[in-house]
Amino acid sequence: MKFHVSTEVNFYVNKGTKIWGELYILPYNHEDQRVSNLEISLPTFCNKSVNEDRFKNNYLSFKCNSTDDFQIYVEYNLNMEGLPTYNRNLDLFLNSSKYVDIEKFKIEIKYSTIDELIDSVFKIINERIKYSKEVDIKSASAIFYNLGYGKCVNYSHVALGFFRAHKVPARYVVGITPFSNTEAHAWIEIWNGEKWIGIDPTAGVKNVRYVKWAIGRDDHDVKSKIFHTEKINITNYFHIKKI
């Protein structure tokens, strides 16, 4: 499958505001995704560099001394190939991480296949968590045991806890889907013994193929960071077109 993808990040600022940070909005260019014709546009009052983290994610570092509202624009072609089979460092995705304490999710689940485990995790999550965007808590156990509601980040953290607690490597993914042109999305991938398969705990759907920006142990590894000297507003716009 081939797609043309564009991302706009719009900054509404006061003149003279200094803004800097790291944005995880560049496409993941490994395993099952291949990127071509990547273009990154910023105004002349901005400096930028593209860097790679420990998970081979590319992220955009930028620093702007703004004279007006401005936009960061990213455009590329994306080829989605077969499911990823890269199996190094699986232990990284088996253990607890900053927002996922697997000890809290060692609940008995009866299953004989990966598909049965996925269905059981979906059922448990659906019964215990209701969707809400008004959540800042990232801790998987706090969402599952205390709060009972959350957004895609939270659904994904809880699912990571269950799969890792049952000895299935699971990694966090952030990116965009065809279903929203203004909000990024979080989901997970689990290792089935041969390859990574996409699981969307929020929607309760398995074998998903979305546009990946980055992978990590949880949201802490792939969180964009933006700093500024005065109050700003930010809007996003994404566009995915099959080619």
Protein backbone atom coordinates (compact mmCIF):
# COMPACT_ATOMS: atom_id res chain seq x y z
CA MET A 1 0.00 0.00 0.00
CA LYS A 2 1.28 3.45 -0.92
CA PHE A 3 0.18 6.76 0.57
CA HIS A 4 0.89 10.45 0.28
CA VAL A 5 0.94 11.99 3.76
CA SER A 6 1.15 15.58 4.95
CA THR A 7 1.28 17.04 8.45
CA GLU A 8 0.75 20.66 9.45
CA VAL A 9 1.55 22.03 12.90
CA ASN A 10 0.29 25.60 13.20
CA PHE A 11 1.62 27.93 15.89
CA TYR A 12 -0.34 31.05 16.88
CA VAL A 13 1.98 33.32 18.82
CA ASN A 14 2.81 36.83 19.93
CA LYS A 15 5.60 38.54 18.03
CA GLY A 16 8.98 37.82 19.58
CA THR A 17 7.92 34.58 21.27
CA LYS A 18 10.71 32.02 21.43
CA ILE A 19 9.63 28.43 20.80
CA TRP A 20 11.77 25.30 20.78
CA GLY A 21 11.44 21.58 21.27
CA GLU A 22 11.30 18.11 19.77
CA LEU A 23 8.44 16.88 17.59
CA TYR A 24 7.67 13.23 16.92
CA ILE A 25 5.80 13.93 13.69
CA LEU A 26 8.23 12.40 11.18
CA PRO A 27 7.42 9.01 9.64
CA TYR A 28 8.93 5.81 11.01
CA ASN A 29 11.28 4.69 8.24
CA HIS A 30 12.11 1.11 9.21
CA GLU A 31 10.69 -2.41 9.15
CA ASP A 32 7.29 -2.29 7.40
CA GLN A 33 7.35 1.41 6.40
CA ARG A 34 9.52 2.94 3.69
CA VAL A 35 9.57 6.69 3.19
CA SER A 36 10.43 8.67 0.06
CA ASN A 37 10.34 12.33 -1.01
CA LEU A 38 10.39 13.60 2.57
CA GLU A 39 10.15 17.40 2.78
CA ILE A 40 10.22 19.46 5.98
CA SER A 41 9.37 23.17 5.76
CA LEU A 42 9.86 25.82 8.46
CA PRO A 43 10.05 29.62 8.22
CA THR A 44 13.42 31.36 7.95
CA PHE A 45 13.38 32.44 11.60
CA CYS A 46 13.56 28.76 12.65
CA ASN A 47 16.49 26.37 12.90
CA LYS A 48 15.89 22.64 12.55
CA SER A 49 17.65 19.30 12.67
CA VAL A 50 16.48 15.70 12.26
CA ASN A 51 17.72 13.25 14.89
CA GLU A 52 17.35 9.54 15.62
CA ASP A 53 16.60 8.03 19.04
CA ARG A 54 17.41 4.59 20.48
CA PHE A 55 14.35 3.03 18.81
CA LYS A 56 15.36 4.35 15.36
CA ASN A 57 12.59 6.93 15.45
CA ASN A 58 13.34 10.18 13.65
CA TYR A 59 12.25 13.35 15.42
CA LEU A 60 12.44 17.02 14.51
CA SER A 61 14.36 19.39 16.78
CA PHE A 62 13.52 23.04 16.18
CA LYS A 63 14.10 26.52 17.60
CA CYS A 64 12.17 29.59 16.42
CA ASN A 65 12.36 33.28 17.28
CA SER A 66 8.94 34.05 15.88
CA THR A 67 7.98 37.26 14.14
CA ASP A 68 4.45 36.05 13.42
CA ASP A 69 2.21 32.99 13.43
CA PHE A 70 3.92 30.15 11.60
CA GLN A 71 3.63 26.58 10.41
CA ILE A 72 5.79 23.46 10.38
CA TYR A 73 4.91 21.37 7.34
CA VAL A 74 5.97 17.77 6.67
CA GLU A 75 5.17 15.90 3.46
CA TYR A 76 6.20 12.46 2.17
CA ASN A 77 5.26 9.31 0.31
CA LEU A 78 4.91 6.14 2.37
CA ASN A 79 5.06 2.53 1.26
CA MET A 80 3.61 -0.01 3.72
CA GLU A 81 5.21 -3.40 3.17
CA GLY A 82 4.72 -6.75 4.93
CA LEU A 83 4.34 -6.93 8.70
CA PRO A 84 7.57 -6.18 10.63
CA THR A 85 9.67 -9.20 11.64
CA TYR A 86 12.48 -7.34 13.47
CA ASN A 87 12.90 -9.31 16.70
CA ARG A 88 15.92 -7.81 18.43
CA ASN A 89 15.64 -6.40 21.96
CA LEU A 90 12.29 -8.07 22.64
CA ASP A 91 13.06 -7.88 26.37
CA LEU A 92 12.68 -4.10 26.17
CA PHE A 93 9.02 -4.65 25.41
CA LEU A 94 8.43 -7.38 28.00
CA ASN A 95 9.29 -5.44 31.13
CA SER A 96 7.72 -2.59 33.08
CA SER A 97 8.31 0.94 31.82
CA LYS A 98 7.67 4.45 33.13
CA TYR A 99 3.88 4.33 32.74
CA VAL A 100 3.34 0.56 32.67
CA ASP A 101 3.85 -1.55 35.82
CA ILE A 102 3.30 -5.13 34.69
CA GLU A 103 2.99 -6.40 38.27
CA LYS A 104 -0.42 -4.70 38.41
CA PHE A 105 -1.68 -6.70 35.43
CA LYS A 106 -0.82 -10.26 36.40
CA ILE A 107 -4.47 -11.25 36.35
CA GLU A 108 -5.35 -14.81 35.33
CA ILE A 109 -6.59 -14.94 31.74
CA LYS A 110 -7.37 -18.29 30.17
CA TYR A 111 -6.30 -18.55 26.54
CA SER A 112 -4.62 -20.97 24.17
CA THR A 113 -3.78 -18.67 21.23
CA ILE A 114 -2.63 -15.09 20.78
CA ASP A 115 -5.98 -14.23 19.18
CA GLU A 116 -7.82 -15.50 22.26
CA LEU A 117 -5.57 -13.41 24.51
CA ILE A 118 -6.21 -10.32 22.37
CA ASP A 119 -9.98 -10.86 22.53
CA SER A 120 -9.84 -11.33 26.31
CA VAL A 121 -7.79 -8.16 26.81
CA PHE A 122 -10.22 -6.21 24.62
CA LYS A 123 -13.15 -7.53 26.67
CA ILE A 124 -11.56 -6.63 30.01
CA ILE A 125 -10.61 -3.14 28.84
CA ASN A 126 -14.05 -2.50 27.35
CA GLU A 127 -15.72 -3.49 30.62
CA ARG A 128 -13.44 -1.38 32.82
CA ILE A 129 -12.58 1.77 30.84
CA LYS A 130 -14.76 4.39 29.18
CA TYR A 131 -13.40 6.81 26.60
CA SER A 132 -12.71 10.42 27.61
CA LYS A 133 -10.28 13.03 26.31
CA GLU A 134 -10.23 14.86 29.65
CA VAL A 135 -7.42 12.81 31.17
CA ASP A 136 -3.83 13.80 31.96
CA ILE A 137 -2.85 10.73 34.00
CA LYS A 138 -0.51 8.40 32.09
CA SER A 139 -0.15 5.56 34.62
CA ALA A 140 -1.77 2.38 33.27
CA SER A 141 -2.59 1.00 36.70
CA ALA A 142 -4.13 4.29 37.88
CA ILE A 143 -6.42 4.38 34.84
CA PHE A 144 -7.44 0.73 35.12
CA TYR A 145 -7.85 0.34 38.87
CA ASN A 146 -8.88 3.82 40.01
CA LEU A 147 -10.07 6.21 37.33
CA GLY A 148 -11.88 3.93 34.86
CA TYR A 149 -11.76 6.26 31.87
CA GLY A 150 -9.16 7.58 29.47
CA LYS A 151 -8.11 8.24 25.89
CA CYS A 152 -6.07 6.29 23.35
CA VAL A 153 -2.80 6.77 25.27
CA ASN A 154 -4.39 5.24 28.36
CA TYR A 155 -6.06 2.36 26.54
CA SER A 156 -2.70 1.53 24.98
CA HIS A 157 -0.82 1.65 28.29
CA VAL A 158 -3.34 -0.69 29.93
CA ALA A 159 -3.13 -3.13 27.00
CA LEU A 160 0.67 -3.06 27.18
CA GLY A 161 0.41 -4.02 30.85
CA PHE A 162 -1.75 -7.06 30.15
CA PHE A 163 0.28 -8.40 27.23
CA ARG A 164 3.65 -7.93 28.93
CA ALA A 165 2.33 -9.47 32.15
CA HIS A 166 1.42 -12.55 30.10
CA LYS A 167 4.90 -12.77 28.53
CA VAL A 168 3.93 -11.28 25.16
CA PRO A 169 6.29 -8.51 23.98
CA ALA A 170 4.27 -5.37 23.31
CA ARG A 171 5.36 -1.93 22.15
CA TYR A 172 3.70 1.47 22.07
CA VAL A 173 3.06 3.19 18.72
CA VAL A 174 2.06 6.76 17.90
CA GLY A 175 1.02 8.11 14.52
CA ILE A 176 -2.04 9.04 12.49
CA THR A 177 -5.06 7.25 11.06
CA PRO A 178 -7.48 7.95 8.19
CA PHE A 179 -10.22 8.52 10.78
CA SER A 180 -9.05 11.92 12.10
CA ASN A 181 -7.34 14.83 10.36
CA THR A 182 -6.68 16.83 13.53
CA GLU A 183 -5.59 14.34 16.21
CA ALA A 184 -2.72 11.89 16.42
CA HIS A 185 -3.45 8.39 17.72
CA ALA A 186 -1.81 5.81 19.96
CA TRP A 187 -2.04 2.04 19.57
CA ILE A 188 0.24 -0.95 20.20
CA GLU A 189 2.00 -3.77 18.39
CA ILE A 190 2.46 -7.22 19.89
CA TRP A 191 4.95 -9.93 18.95
CA ASN A 192 3.16 -13.15 17.94
CA GLY A 193 6.34 -15.21 17.73
CA GLU A 194 7.03 -14.34 14.10
CA LYS A 195 6.10 -10.70 13.52
CA TRP A 196 4.63 -7.56 15.05
CA ILE A 197 0.88 -7.15 14.60
CA GLY A 198 -1.02 -3.92 15.14
CA ILE A 199 -3.62 -3.78 17.91
CA ASP A 200 -5.89 -0.79 18.55
CA PRO A 201 -7.18 -1.17 22.13
CA THR A 202 -9.27 2.01 21.92
CA ALA A 203 -11.29 0.76 18.95
CA GLY A 204 -11.04 -2.91 19.94
CA VAL A 205 -9.60 -3.83 16.54
CA LYS A 206 -6.67 -6.12 15.69
CA ASN A 207 -4.42 -6.32 12.62
CA VAL A 208 -4.50 -2.54 12.10
CA ARG A 209 -2.16 -0.75 9.69
CA TYR A 210 -1.91 2.95 10.48
CA VAL A 211 0.78 5.50 9.60
CA LYS A 212 3.50 5.14 12.23
CA TRP A 213 5.53 8.07 13.52
CA ALA A 214 7.37 6.29 16.31
CA ILE A 215 7.57 3.22 18.54
CA GLY A 216 8.68 2.92 22.16
CA ARG A 217 8.07 1.27 25.51
CA ASP A 218 5.28 3.74 26.31
CA ASP A 219 4.29 7.36 25.69
CA HIS A 220 7.30 8.67 27.61
CA ASP A 221 9.65 7.46 24.85
CA VAL A 222 7.86 9.19 21.96
CA LYS A 223 6.28 12.28 23.50
CA SER A 224 6.77 15.55 21.64
CA LYS A 225 8.15 18.37 23.79
CA ILE A 226 7.42 22.05 23.11
CA PHE A 227 8.73 24.96 25.19
CA HIS A 228 7.90 28.65 24.80
CA THR A 229 8.48 31.99 26.48
CA GLU A 230 4.90 33.26 26.10
CA LYS A 231 1.45 31.76 25.75
CA ILE A 232 0.81 30.07 22.39
CA ASN A 233 -1.92 28.06 20.66
CA ILE A 234 -1.24 25.05 18.46
CA THR A 235 -3.44 23.25 15.93
CA ASN A 236 -2.69 20.21 13.79
CA TYR A 237 -3.92 19.02 10.44
CA PHE A 238 -3.13 15.65 8.83
CA HIS A 239 -3.93 14.32 5.39
CA ILE A 240 -3.52 10.75 4.13
CA LYS A 241 -4.21 9.88 0.49
CA LYS A 242 -3.81 6.45 -1.07
CA ILE A 243 -1.73 6.55 -4.28
